[in-house]
Amino acid sequence: MKTLEIVTYILPSYWASYLLNGDESGIQSEDMYFCDEFLAKHNLPSPVSCSDESWFAHRNDSNNRLAGDVLTYSFLV
């Protein structure tokens, strides 16, 4: 019997609406590409939740080349 576990990643906060709601209106196509590429690379489904408060970070798990606000995203795998 396979069990599910929650994994977390620190990712850009502006990905939240796209990742959680599928809302493409608040994200540029280049950022959407990087987001989809990250999910595919790590074989992840859409996240089940993210943290309520964002914070500034110089790096994040997506290897995003820019510092910025991030959230902790939780994925059920």
Protein backbone atom coordinates (compact mmCIF):
# COMPACT_ATOMS: atom_id res chain seq x y z
CA MET A 1 0.00 0.00 0.00
CA LYS A 2 1.49 3.29 -1.08
CA THR A 3 1.21 6.19 1.35
CA LEU A 4 1.00 9.84 0.49
CA GLU A 5 3.32 12.40 1.97
CA ILE A 6 3.46 16.18 1.97
CA VAL A 7 6.53 17.81 0.49
CA THR A 8 7.17 21.53 0.63
CA TYR A 9 9.04 23.93 -1.60
CA ILE A 10 9.85 27.62 -1.26
CA LEU A 11 8.66 29.23 -4.51
CA PRO A 12 7.81 32.72 -5.78
CA SER A 13 4.67 34.18 -4.24
CA TYR A 14 3.40 35.43 -7.61
CA TRP A 15 3.03 31.79 -8.71
CA ALA A 16 0.28 31.20 -6.12
CA SER A 17 -2.80 32.12 -8.13
CA TYR A 18 -1.60 30.11 -11.13
CA LEU A 19 -0.56 27.06 -9.12
CA LEU A 20 -3.53 26.91 -6.76
CA ASN A 21 -6.35 28.23 -8.95
CA GLY A 22 -5.12 27.79 -12.51
CA ASP A 23 -5.52 31.56 -12.98
CA GLU A 24 -3.22 32.66 -15.81
CA SER A 25 -4.28 36.32 -15.68
CA GLY A 26 -1.72 37.35 -13.04
CA ILE A 27 1.37 35.65 -14.45
CA GLN A 28 3.46 36.34 -17.53
CA SER A 29 3.89 33.56 -20.07
CA GLU A 30 7.64 33.25 -19.35
CA ASP A 31 6.94 32.81 -15.62
CA MET A 32 4.19 30.30 -16.39
CA TYR A 33 6.74 28.32 -18.42
CA PHE A 34 9.22 28.28 -15.50
CA CYS A 35 6.45 27.23 -13.13
CA ASP A 36 5.30 24.37 -15.37
CA GLU A 37 8.91 23.33 -15.95
CA PHE A 38 9.52 23.17 -12.19
CA LEU A 39 6.44 20.98 -11.63
CA ALA A 40 7.42 18.63 -14.46
CA LYS A 41 11.06 18.39 -13.34
CA HIS A 42 9.99 17.37 -9.83
CA ASN A 43 7.00 15.31 -11.02
CA LEU A 44 4.61 17.36 -8.86
CA PRO A 45 0.86 17.84 -9.05
CA SER A 46 -0.71 21.18 -8.21
CA PRO A 47 -0.04 22.18 -4.61
CA VAL A 48 -2.70 21.61 -2.00
CA SER A 49 -1.88 24.78 -0.07
CA CYS A 50 0.62 27.55 0.52
CA SER A 51 1.64 29.65 3.49
CA ASP A 52 -0.48 32.68 4.37
CA GLU A 53 2.39 35.12 4.72
CA SER A 54 5.09 35.80 2.15
CA TRP A 55 8.63 36.92 2.94
CA PHE A 56 11.60 38.21 1.00
CA ALA A 57 14.27 35.70 0.00
CA HIS A 58 17.40 35.95 -2.11
CA ARG A 59 16.83 32.40 -3.43
CA ASN A 60 14.05 29.87 -3.77
CA ASP A 61 13.68 26.23 -4.78
CA SER A 62 12.82 27.05 -8.38
CA ASN A 63 16.32 28.44 -8.96
CA ASN A 64 14.56 31.65 -9.92
CA ARG A 65 17.20 34.10 -10.99
CA LEU A 66 15.65 37.01 -9.08
CA ALA A 67 15.28 37.65 -5.37
CA GLY A 68 11.73 38.37 -4.26
CA ASP A 69 8.75 37.45 -2.14
CA VAL A 70 8.22 33.72 -1.61
CA LEU A 71 5.72 31.34 -0.03
CA THR A 72 5.96 27.78 1.21
CA TYR A 73 3.91 25.54 -1.09
CA SER A 74 2.74 22.09 0.04
CA PHE A 75 2.36 19.22 -2.43
CA LEU A 76 0.71 15.87 -1.76
CA VAL A 77 2.81 13.13 -3.41
